Amino acid sequence: MKKIVLFLVAILFSIYSFSQEENSSRISNQLGIHSGFTTGVGLSYRYWSNSNYGVQLTLLPIKTHYESFVSGGLTGLYNFHNRNFFRSFLYLGNHIMVNEFAITPTYEYNAGFGAGIEFGKVPRINLMVGYGAYDITGDFLLLPTIEVGLYFDLKKK
């Protein structure tokens, strides 16, 4: 588990290092909801720099008296076409899921890559398709994947 967390942190810092020289006219901060097999499920924050690199963080923690569920995703993004109402990009997603029931706890790590599009003004609809490796630390599977999201731009005052 420590190796997975270190890997996700390394990806975050490598993406951040590419976005050091920024031009505020192309920087984008977005907040929304996201659901993906290899990018996570829950509330999501997305940051795009002017150098075409971005990062997406998705998180959904749930805790009750009987169970706990956590879905966390960290995704690297590379933009290759951006217009006012349309963006196309590539992604590399990582998703950790912890589901602790009273009897049988499950831990799953998924990773995937693919292409995505984002369109619309308010809200921005996000569709991503690709190929994923599921339950890497357990019963390993390779399958196609789909990810969807709904994002709102956070404006500067």
N, C-alpha and C. Protein backbone atom coordinates (compact mmCIF):
# COMPACT_ATOMS: atom_id res chain seq x y z
N MET A 1 0.82 -1.19 0.00
CA MET A 1 0.00 0.00 0.00
C MET A 1 0.87 1.26 0.00
N LYS A 2 2.01 1.21 0.73
CA LYS A 2 2.91 2.36 0.78
C LYS A 2 3.49 2.65 -0.61
N LYS A 3 3.80 1.60 -1.37
CA LYS A 3 4.34 1.77 -2.71
C LYS A 3 3.33 2.46 -3.63
N ILE A 4 2.07 2.11 -3.49
CA ILE A 4 1.02 2.71 -4.32
C ILE A 4 0.89 4.19 -4.00
N VAL A 5 0.87 4.54 -2.72
CA VAL A 5 0.75 5.94 -2.31
C VAL A 5 1.96 6.73 -2.80
N LEU A 6 3.16 6.18 -2.65
CA LEU A 6 4.37 6.86 -3.13
C LEU A 6 4.33 7.06 -4.64
N PHE A 7 3.83 6.06 -5.37
CA PHE A 7 3.70 6.18 -6.82
C PHE A 7 2.75 7.31 -7.20
N LEU A 8 1.60 7.41 -6.53
CA LEU A 8 0.64 8.47 -6.81
C LEU A 8 1.22 9.84 -6.49
N VAL A 9 1.95 9.97 -5.39
CA VAL A 9 2.58 11.25 -5.02
C VAL A 9 3.63 11.63 -6.06
N ALA A 10 4.40 10.66 -6.53
CA ALA A 10 5.43 10.93 -7.55
C ALA A 10 4.80 11.45 -8.84
N ILE A 11 3.69 10.89 -9.24
CA ILE A 11 2.99 11.37 -10.45
C ILE A 11 2.51 12.79 -10.24
N LEU A 12 1.94 13.08 -9.08
CA LEU A 12 1.45 14.43 -8.78
C LEU A 12 2.58 15.45 -8.88
N PHE A 13 3.73 15.16 -8.27
CA PHE A 13 4.83 16.11 -8.28
C PHE A 13 5.45 16.24 -9.68
N SER A 14 5.48 15.17 -10.46
CA SER A 14 6.03 15.28 -11.81
C SER A 14 5.13 16.12 -12.71
N ILE A 15 3.83 15.99 -12.57
CA ILE A 15 2.91 16.82 -13.34
C ILE A 15 3.02 18.28 -12.91
N TYR A 16 3.14 18.51 -11.60
CA TYR A 16 3.26 19.87 -11.09
C TYR A 16 4.55 20.53 -11.59
N SER A 17 5.63 19.77 -11.70
CA SER A 17 6.89 20.35 -12.15
C SER A 17 6.83 20.83 -13.59
N PHE A 18 6.01 20.21 -14.42
CA PHE A 18 5.86 20.65 -15.80
C PHE A 18 5.08 21.95 -15.90
N SER A 19 4.34 22.31 -14.87
CA SER A 19 3.46 23.48 -14.94
C SER A 19 4.01 24.67 -14.17
N GLN A 20 5.32 24.80 -14.04
CA GLN A 20 5.90 25.88 -13.27
C GLN A 20 5.77 27.24 -13.95
N GLU A 21 6.02 27.32 -15.25
CA GLU A 21 5.90 28.58 -15.97
C GLU A 21 4.48 28.71 -16.48
N GLU A 22 3.70 29.58 -15.84
CA GLU A 22 2.29 29.63 -16.14
C GLU A 22 1.88 30.96 -16.73
N ASN A 23 0.91 30.92 -17.61
CA ASN A 23 0.29 32.10 -18.17
C ASN A 23 -1.16 32.05 -17.73
N SER A 24 -1.58 33.04 -16.94
CA SER A 24 -2.89 32.96 -16.29
C SER A 24 -4.05 32.93 -17.28
N SER A 25 -3.83 33.25 -18.55
CA SER A 25 -4.93 33.24 -19.51
C SER A 25 -5.37 31.82 -19.87
N ARG A 26 -4.51 30.80 -19.68
CA ARG A 26 -4.87 29.44 -20.06
C ARG A 26 -4.98 28.51 -18.86
N ILE A 27 -4.74 29.02 -17.66
CA ILE A 27 -4.85 28.20 -16.47
C ILE A 27 -6.33 27.97 -16.17
N SER A 28 -6.66 26.74 -15.78
CA SER A 28 -8.06 26.41 -15.50
C SER A 28 -8.14 25.59 -14.22
N ASN A 29 -9.01 26.00 -13.31
CA ASN A 29 -9.35 25.24 -12.12
C ASN A 29 -10.80 24.82 -12.23
N GLN A 30 -11.07 23.54 -12.03
CA GLN A 30 -12.43 23.03 -12.18
C GLN A 30 -12.80 22.18 -10.97
N LEU A 31 -14.07 22.22 -10.60
CA LEU A 31 -14.60 21.42 -9.51
C LEU A 31 -15.83 20.70 -10.03
N GLY A 32 -16.00 19.42 -9.67
CA GLY A 32 -17.16 18.69 -10.16
C GLY A 32 -17.29 17.32 -9.54
N ILE A 33 -18.03 16.46 -10.24
CA ILE A 33 -18.19 15.07 -9.83
C ILE A 33 -17.67 14.20 -10.96
N HIS A 34 -17.13 13.05 -10.59
CA HIS A 34 -16.49 12.19 -11.58
C HIS A 34 -16.74 10.73 -11.21
N SER A 35 -16.84 9.89 -12.22
CA SER A 35 -16.99 8.47 -12.01
C SER A 35 -16.19 7.72 -13.06
N GLY A 36 -15.21 6.94 -12.59
CA GLY A 36 -14.39 6.20 -13.52
C GLY A 36 -13.79 4.97 -12.87
N PHE A 37 -13.58 3.94 -13.67
CA PHE A 37 -13.00 2.70 -13.17
C PHE A 37 -11.52 2.86 -12.84
N THR A 38 -10.81 3.71 -13.60
CA THR A 38 -9.37 3.89 -13.38
C THR A 38 -9.01 5.30 -12.95
N THR A 39 -9.99 6.18 -12.73
CA THR A 39 -9.71 7.55 -12.32
C THR A 39 -10.41 7.94 -11.03
N GLY A 40 -11.24 7.08 -10.48
CA GLY A 40 -11.88 7.34 -9.19
C GLY A 40 -13.33 7.75 -9.30
N VAL A 41 -14.00 7.72 -8.15
CA VAL A 41 -15.42 8.06 -8.05
C VAL A 41 -15.58 9.09 -6.94
N GLY A 42 -16.35 10.15 -7.21
CA GLY A 42 -16.65 11.11 -6.16
C GLY A 42 -16.47 12.54 -6.58
N LEU A 43 -16.24 13.41 -5.57
CA LEU A 43 -15.97 14.82 -5.84
C LEU A 43 -14.60 14.94 -6.48
N SER A 44 -14.48 15.86 -7.42
CA SER A 44 -13.26 15.92 -8.20
C SER A 44 -12.79 17.36 -8.38
N TYR A 45 -11.49 17.55 -8.30
CA TYR A 45 -10.85 18.84 -8.59
C TYR A 45 -9.89 18.61 -9.75
N ARG A 46 -9.93 19.52 -10.71
CA ARG A 46 -9.07 19.41 -11.89
C ARG A 46 -8.34 20.73 -12.11
N TYR A 47 -7.04 20.64 -12.35
CA TYR A 47 -6.20 21.81 -12.60
C TYR A 47 -5.51 21.63 -13.95
N TRP A 48 -5.65 22.62 -14.83
CA TRP A 48 -4.96 22.65 -16.12
C TRP A 48 -3.99 23.82 -16.11
N SER A 49 -2.74 23.59 -16.47
CA SER A 49 -1.77 24.68 -16.59
C SER A 49 -1.75 25.15 -18.04
N ASN A 50 -1.03 26.23 -18.31
CA ASN A 50 -0.94 26.74 -19.68
C ASN A 50 0.01 25.91 -20.52
N SER A 51 0.79 25.04 -19.91
CA SER A 51 1.74 24.22 -20.67
C SER A 51 1.14 22.88 -21.11
N ASN A 52 -0.18 22.80 -21.14
CA ASN A 52 -0.94 21.64 -21.62
C ASN A 52 -0.96 20.46 -20.66
N TYR A 53 -0.40 20.59 -19.49
CA TYR A 53 -0.45 19.52 -18.51
C TYR A 53 -1.51 19.81 -17.46
N GLY A 54 -2.09 18.75 -16.94
CA GLY A 54 -3.10 18.91 -15.90
C GLY A 54 -3.07 17.76 -14.93
N VAL A 55 -3.80 17.93 -13.85
CA VAL A 55 -3.92 16.88 -12.85
C VAL A 55 -5.36 16.88 -12.33
N GLN A 56 -5.86 15.69 -12.04
CA GLN A 56 -7.22 15.54 -11.52
C GLN A 56 -7.15 14.71 -10.24
N LEU A 57 -7.79 15.19 -9.19
CA LEU A 57 -7.88 14.48 -7.93
C LEU A 57 -9.35 14.20 -7.64
N THR A 58 -9.68 12.93 -7.41
CA THR A 58 -11.06 12.52 -7.17
C THR A 58 -11.11 11.74 -5.86
N LEU A 59 -12.10 12.05 -5.01
CA LEU A 59 -12.17 11.42 -3.69
C LEU A 59 -13.62 11.26 -3.22
N LEU A 60 -13.92 10.09 -2.65
CA LEU A 60 -15.21 9.83 -2.04
C LEU A 60 -15.02 8.95 -0.81
N PRO A 61 -14.97 9.56 0.39
CA PRO A 61 -14.91 8.75 1.61
C PRO A 61 -16.30 8.60 2.22
N ILE A 62 -16.66 7.37 2.60
CA ILE A 62 -17.94 7.09 3.26
C ILE A 62 -17.66 6.22 4.48
N LYS A 63 -18.21 6.60 5.63
CA LYS A 63 -18.01 5.83 6.87
C LYS A 63 -19.33 5.74 7.61
N THR A 64 -19.73 4.52 7.94
CA THR A 64 -20.90 4.28 8.78
C THR A 64 -20.48 3.39 9.95
N HIS A 65 -21.44 3.00 10.79
CA HIS A 65 -21.12 2.10 11.90
C HIS A 65 -20.74 0.70 11.42
N TYR A 66 -21.20 0.33 10.24
CA TYR A 66 -21.03 -1.04 9.77
C TYR A 66 -19.99 -1.21 8.68
N GLU A 67 -19.67 -0.15 7.98
CA GLU A 67 -18.73 -0.28 6.88
C GLU A 67 -18.05 1.05 6.60
N SER A 68 -16.96 0.97 5.85
CA SER A 68 -16.31 2.18 5.34
C SER A 68 -15.91 1.92 3.89
N PHE A 69 -16.00 2.96 3.10
CA PHE A 69 -15.67 2.89 1.69
C PHE A 69 -14.90 4.14 1.32
N VAL A 70 -13.77 3.98 0.65
CA VAL A 70 -12.99 5.11 0.18
C VAL A 70 -12.59 4.85 -1.27
N SER A 71 -12.87 5.83 -2.12
CA SER A 71 -12.42 5.79 -3.51
C SER A 71 -11.56 7.03 -3.73
N GLY A 72 -10.33 6.81 -4.14
CA GLY A 72 -9.43 7.92 -4.39
C GLY A 72 -8.74 7.75 -5.73
N GLY A 73 -8.71 8.81 -6.52
CA GLY A 73 -8.09 8.74 -7.82
C GLY A 73 -7.17 9.92 -8.07
N LEU A 74 -6.04 9.66 -8.69
CA LEU A 74 -5.11 10.70 -9.11
C LEU A 74 -4.80 10.46 -10.57
N THR A 75 -5.06 11.46 -11.41
CA THR A 75 -4.96 11.30 -12.85
C THR A 75 -4.09 12.39 -13.45
N GLY A 76 -3.15 11.98 -14.28
CA GLY A 76 -2.34 12.92 -15.04
C GLY A 76 -3.01 13.19 -16.38
N LEU A 77 -2.99 14.44 -16.83
CA LEU A 77 -3.68 14.84 -18.06
C LEU A 77 -2.71 15.56 -19.00
N TYR A 78 -2.87 15.34 -20.29
CA TYR A 78 -2.10 16.07 -21.30
C TYR A 78 -3.07 16.58 -22.37
N ASN A 79 -3.21 17.89 -22.46
CA ASN A 79 -4.12 18.54 -23.40
C ASN A 79 -3.44 18.69 -24.76
N PHE A 80 -4.12 18.31 -25.84
CA PHE A 80 -3.54 18.57 -27.15
C PHE A 80 -4.45 19.39 -28.07
N HIS A 81 -5.63 19.78 -27.61
CA HIS A 81 -6.50 20.66 -28.39
C HIS A 81 -7.45 21.36 -27.42
N ASN A 82 -7.42 22.69 -27.39
CA ASN A 82 -8.25 23.42 -26.44
C ASN A 82 -8.86 24.63 -27.13
N ARG A 83 -10.18 24.68 -27.16
CA ARG A 83 -10.93 25.83 -27.65
C ARG A 83 -11.92 26.22 -26.57
N ASN A 84 -12.69 27.27 -26.81
CA ASN A 84 -13.60 27.78 -25.79
C ASN A 84 -14.55 26.73 -25.23
N PHE A 85 -15.15 25.92 -26.09
CA PHE A 85 -16.17 24.97 -25.64
C PHE A 85 -15.79 23.51 -25.89
N PHE A 86 -14.52 23.25 -26.21
CA PHE A 86 -14.10 21.88 -26.51
C PHE A 86 -12.62 21.70 -26.16
N ARG A 87 -12.30 20.57 -25.55
CA ARG A 87 -10.92 20.21 -25.23
C ARG A 87 -10.75 18.72 -25.49
N SER A 88 -9.65 18.31 -26.08
CA SER A 88 -9.32 16.90 -26.21
C SER A 88 -7.97 16.66 -25.53
N PHE A 89 -7.83 15.49 -24.91
CA PHE A 89 -6.65 15.24 -24.09
C PHE A 89 -6.39 13.75 -23.94
N LEU A 90 -5.21 13.43 -23.42
CA LEU A 90 -4.84 12.07 -23.05
C LEU A 90 -4.80 12.01 -21.53
N TYR A 91 -4.99 10.82 -20.97
CA TYR A 91 -4.96 10.69 -19.52
C TYR A 91 -4.25 9.42 -19.08
N LEU A 92 -3.71 9.46 -17.86
CA LEU A 92 -3.14 8.30 -17.19
C LEU A 92 -3.73 8.29 -15.79
N GLY A 93 -4.59 7.32 -15.51
CA GLY A 93 -5.35 7.32 -14.27
C GLY A 93 -4.90 6.25 -13.29
N ASN A 94 -5.05 6.56 -12.00
CA ASN A 94 -4.76 5.65 -10.90
C ASN A 94 -5.92 5.72 -9.93
N HIS A 95 -6.39 4.58 -9.46
CA HIS A 95 -7.57 4.54 -8.60
C HIS A 95 -7.36 3.51 -7.50
N ILE A 96 -7.50 3.96 -6.26
CA ILE A 96 -7.45 3.07 -5.11
C ILE A 96 -8.84 3.01 -4.49
N MET A 97 -9.30 1.79 -4.23
CA MET A 97 -10.62 1.61 -3.64
C MET A 97 -10.48 0.69 -2.42
N VAL A 98 -11.00 1.16 -1.29
CA VAL A 98 -10.98 0.40 -0.04
C VAL A 98 -12.43 0.22 0.39
N ASN A 99 -12.85 -1.02 0.54
CA ASN A 99 -14.22 -1.33 0.93
C ASN A 99 -14.15 -2.29 2.12
N GLU A 100 -14.35 -1.77 3.32
CA GLU A 100 -14.20 -2.57 4.54
C GLU A 100 -15.56 -2.89 5.15
N PHE A 101 -16.08 -4.04 4.79
CA PHE A 101 -17.30 -4.53 5.42
C PHE A 101 -16.90 -5.23 6.71
N ALA A 102 -17.87 -5.55 7.55
CA ALA A 102 -17.59 -6.17 8.84
C ALA A 102 -16.90 -7.53 8.69
N ILE A 103 -17.21 -8.27 7.62
CA ILE A 103 -16.66 -9.62 7.47
C ILE A 103 -15.52 -9.66 6.45
N THR A 104 -15.72 -9.10 5.28
CA THR A 104 -14.75 -9.24 4.20
C THR A 104 -14.27 -7.89 3.68
N PRO A 105 -13.12 -7.40 4.13
CA PRO A 105 -12.60 -6.15 3.56
C PRO A 105 -11.95 -6.40 2.19
N THR A 106 -12.13 -5.45 1.28
CA THR A 106 -11.50 -5.57 -0.03
C THR A 106 -10.71 -4.29 -0.33
N TYR A 107 -9.56 -4.49 -0.96
CA TYR A 107 -8.69 -3.40 -1.37
C TYR A 107 -8.36 -3.62 -2.84
N GLU A 108 -8.55 -2.59 -3.64
CA GLU A 108 -8.34 -2.74 -5.07
C GLU A 108 -7.59 -1.53 -5.63
N TYR A 109 -6.64 -1.79 -6.51
CA TYR A 109 -5.88 -0.74 -7.18
C TYR A 109 -6.04 -0.92 -8.68
N ASN A 110 -6.53 0.12 -9.37
CA ASN A 110 -6.73 0.10 -10.81
C ASN A 110 -5.90 1.20 -11.45
N ALA A 111 -5.45 0.97 -12.66
CA ALA A 111 -4.71 1.99 -13.42
C ALA A 111 -5.12 1.88 -14.88
N GLY A 112 -5.09 3.00 -15.59
CA GLY A 112 -5.47 2.98 -16.99
C GLY A 112 -5.01 4.21 -17.73
N PHE A 113 -5.15 4.15 -19.05
CA PHE A 113 -4.78 5.27 -19.90
C PHE A 113 -5.76 5.34 -21.05
N GLY A 114 -5.82 6.50 -21.70
CA GLY A 114 -6.70 6.63 -22.84
C GLY A 114 -6.82 8.07 -23.29
N ALA A 115 -7.90 8.35 -24.02
CA ALA A 115 -8.16 9.68 -24.57
C ALA A 115 -9.48 10.19 -24.03
N GLY A 116 -9.59 11.52 -23.95
CA GLY A 116 -10.81 12.10 -23.45
C GLY A 116 -11.18 13.38 -24.16
N ILE A 117 -12.45 13.76 -24.04
CA ILE A 117 -12.93 15.03 -24.56
C ILE A 117 -13.71 15.73 -23.46
N GLU A 118 -13.72 17.04 -23.53
CA GLU A 118 -14.47 17.86 -22.60
C GLU A 118 -15.19 18.91 -23.44
N PHE A 119 -16.49 19.04 -23.25
CA PHE A 119 -17.23 20.00 -24.06
C PHE A 119 -18.30 20.68 -23.23
N GLY A 120 -18.75 21.82 -23.73
CA GLY A 120 -19.77 22.60 -23.04
C GLY A 120 -19.16 23.82 -22.39
N LYS A 121 -20.03 24.69 -21.89
CA LYS A 121 -19.56 25.90 -21.21
C LYS A 121 -19.81 25.77 -19.71
N VAL A 122 -21.07 25.71 -19.30
CA VAL A 122 -21.42 25.53 -17.89
C VAL A 122 -22.57 24.54 -17.82
N PRO A 123 -22.39 23.35 -17.35
CA PRO A 123 -21.15 22.72 -16.91
C PRO A 123 -20.38 22.16 -18.10
N ARG A 124 -19.15 21.72 -17.85
CA ARG A 124 -18.34 21.07 -18.87
C ARG A 124 -18.47 19.55 -18.68
N ILE A 125 -18.88 18.88 -19.75
CA ILE A 125 -19.08 17.43 -19.70
C ILE A 125 -17.79 16.76 -20.15
N ASN A 126 -17.37 15.75 -19.41
CA ASN A 126 -16.11 15.07 -19.63
C ASN A 126 -16.37 13.60 -19.95
N LEU A 127 -15.84 13.10 -21.06
CA LEU A 127 -15.94 11.69 -21.43
C LEU A 127 -14.53 11.17 -21.73
N MET A 128 -14.17 10.04 -21.12
CA MET A 128 -12.85 9.46 -21.32
C MET A 128 -13.01 7.96 -21.60
N VAL A 129 -12.29 7.45 -22.58
CA VAL A 129 -12.28 6.02 -22.88
C VAL A 129 -10.84 5.56 -23.02
N GLY A 130 -10.59 4.33 -22.63
CA GLY A 130 -9.23 3.82 -22.72
C GLY A 130 -9.15 2.36 -22.35
N TYR A 131 -7.99 2.00 -21.83
CA TYR A 131 -7.69 0.62 -21.48
C TYR A 131 -7.18 0.60 -20.05
N GLY A 132 -7.66 -0.35 -19.24
CA GLY A 132 -7.30 -0.36 -17.84
C GLY A 132 -6.83 -1.70 -17.33
N ALA A 133 -6.00 -1.64 -16.29
CA ALA A 133 -5.57 -2.81 -15.53
C ALA A 133 -6.33 -2.75 -14.21
N TYR A 134 -7.10 -3.78 -13.92
CA TYR A 134 -7.98 -3.79 -12.75
C TYR A 134 -7.45 -4.75 -11.69
N ASP A 135 -7.60 -4.35 -10.42
CA ASP A 135 -7.19 -5.15 -9.28
C ASP A 135 -5.76 -5.66 -9.47
N ILE A 136 -4.86 -4.73 -9.64
CA ILE A 136 -3.46 -5.04 -9.94
C ILE A 136 -2.82 -5.89 -8.85
N THR A 137 -3.18 -5.64 -7.59
CA THR A 137 -2.56 -6.38 -6.49
C THR A 137 -3.27 -7.69 -6.17
N GLY A 138 -4.34 -8.00 -6.87
CA GLY A 138 -5.10 -9.22 -6.58
C GLY A 138 -5.33 -10.05 -7.83
N ASP A 139 -6.59 -10.22 -8.20
CA ASP A 139 -7.00 -10.98 -9.38
C ASP A 139 -6.90 -10.07 -10.60
N PHE A 140 -5.75 -9.99 -11.21
CA PHE A 140 -5.40 -9.04 -12.27
C PHE A 140 -6.24 -9.24 -13.53
N LEU A 141 -6.80 -8.12 -14.06
CA LEU A 141 -7.59 -8.13 -15.29
C LEU A 141 -7.18 -6.97 -16.19
N LEU A 142 -7.24 -7.14 -17.50
CA LEU A 142 -7.04 -6.08 -18.49
C LEU A 142 -8.31 -5.94 -19.31
N LEU A 143 -8.93 -4.74 -19.25
CA LEU A 143 -10.22 -4.52 -19.92
C LEU A 143 -10.32 -3.07 -20.41
N PRO A 144 -11.21 -2.80 -21.36
CA PRO A 144 -11.50 -1.40 -21.73
C PRO A 144 -12.13 -0.67 -20.54
N THR A 145 -12.01 0.64 -20.56
CA THR A 145 -12.55 1.44 -19.46
C THR A 145 -13.26 2.67 -20.00
N ILE A 146 -14.16 3.20 -19.19
CA ILE A 146 -14.86 4.44 -19.52
C ILE A 146 -14.94 5.28 -18.25
N GLU A 147 -14.78 6.58 -18.41
CA GLU A 147 -14.80 7.52 -17.30
C GLU A 147 -15.68 8.71 -17.72
N VAL A 148 -16.48 9.23 -16.80
CA VAL A 148 -17.34 10.38 -17.11
C VAL A 148 -17.28 11.39 -15.96
N GLY A 149 -17.49 12.65 -16.29
CA GLY A 149 -17.47 13.68 -15.26
C GLY A 149 -18.27 14.90 -15.67
N LEU A 150 -18.58 15.71 -14.69
CA LEU A 150 -19.31 16.95 -14.88
C LEU A 150 -18.57 18.02 -14.07
N TYR A 151 -18.01 19.03 -14.74
CA TYR A 151 -17.14 20.01 -14.09
C TYR A 151 -17.61 21.43 -14.29
N PHE A 152 -17.33 22.26 -13.27
CA PHE A 152 -17.62 23.68 -13.32
C PHE A 152 -16.30 24.43 -13.16
N ASP A 153 -16.08 25.45 -14.00
CA ASP A 153 -14.88 26.27 -13.90
C ASP A 153 -14.96 27.16 -12.67
N LEU A 154 -13.87 27.25 -11.95
CA LEU A 154 -13.75 28.15 -10.82
C LEU A 154 -13.13 29.44 -11.35
N LYS A 155 -13.85 30.53 -11.27
CA LYS A 155 -13.39 31.81 -11.84
C LYS A 155 -12.60 32.59 -10.82
N LYS A 156 -11.61 33.34 -11.32
CA LYS A 156 -10.87 34.28 -10.46
C LYS A 156 -11.62 35.58 -10.39
N LYS A 157 -11.52 36.25 -9.23
CA LYS A 157 -12.19 37.55 -9.08
C LYS A 157 -11.31 38.67 -9.56
